[in-house]
């Protein structure tokens, strides 16, 4: 049931997994990980915010 709901949401909102998104656009790799060795939470979160902002800007 959960898988079906996820699929419906993806279709309705046009959402894709990062790998599918990058493959469709011929982007070699999108890395969504940040180093957890950093002690500053803002330094860990910032790369994710930058990625989302860049993708949103291109849409």
Protein backbone atom coordinates (compact mmCIF):
# COMPACT_ATOMS: atom_id res chain seq x y z
CA UNK A 1 0.00 0.00 0.00
CA UNK A 2 2.76 2.43 0.93
CA UNK A 3 4.57 1.80 -2.36
CA UNK A 4 1.39 2.50 -4.32
CA UNK A 5 0.80 5.77 -2.46
CA UNK A 6 4.39 6.82 -3.08
CA UNK A 7 4.01 6.08 -6.79
CA UNK A 8 0.76 8.07 -7.00
CA UNK A 9 2.41 11.02 -5.28
CA UNK A 10 5.36 10.85 -7.66
CA UNK A 11 3.05 10.85 -10.68
CA UNK A 12 0.81 13.63 -9.35
CA UNK A 13 3.65 15.92 -8.33
CA UNK A 14 6.14 14.93 -11.02
CA UNK A 15 8.58 13.77 -8.38
CA UNK A 16 11.50 11.47 -9.10
CA UNK A 17 14.30 9.88 -7.18
CA UNK A 18 17.54 11.82 -7.53
CA UNK A 19 19.07 9.07 -9.67
CA UNK A 20 16.14 9.12 -12.14
CA UNK A 21 16.23 12.94 -12.19
CA UNK A 22 19.94 13.01 -12.97
CA UNK A 23 19.69 10.26 -15.61
CA UNK A 24 16.88 12.09 -17.43
CA UNK A 25 19.04 15.19 -17.62
CA UNK A 26 22.29 13.36 -18.38
CA UNK A 27 23.88 14.58 -15.16
CA UNK A 28 26.67 12.12 -14.30
CA UNK A 29 26.05 12.08 -10.57
CA UNK A 30 24.16 13.92 -7.86
CA UNK A 31 25.54 13.42 -4.40
CA UNK A 32 23.07 14.10 -1.63
CA UNK A 33 25.38 13.23 1.23
CA UNK A 34 27.30 15.60 3.39
CA UNK A 35 30.06 14.86 5.81
CA UNK A 36 28.83 13.98 9.28
CA UNK A 37 32.32 14.56 10.60
CA UNK A 38 31.60 18.28 10.66
CA UNK A 39 30.41 19.45 14.05
CA UNK A 40 28.58 22.49 12.70
CA UNK A 41 25.01 21.50 11.67
CA UNK A 42 24.74 24.48 9.29
CA UNK A 43 27.85 23.30 7.43
CA UNK A 44 26.25 19.86 6.96
CA UNK A 45 22.88 21.24 5.82
CA UNK A 46 24.15 24.00 3.50
CA UNK A 47 25.15 21.70 0.58
CA UNK A 48 21.63 20.25 0.53
CA UNK A 49 20.05 23.70 0.54
CA UNK A 50 22.35 24.79 -2.30
CA UNK A 51 21.42 21.74 -4.36
CA UNK A 52 17.68 22.28 -3.93
CA UNK A 53 18.05 25.98 -4.72
CA UNK A 54 20.01 25.23 -7.90
CA UNK A 55 17.44 22.71 -9.10
CA UNK A 56 14.53 25.02 -8.27
CA UNK A 57 16.24 27.88 -10.11
CA UNK A 58 16.51 25.79 -13.28
CA UNK A 59 12.85 24.75 -13.24
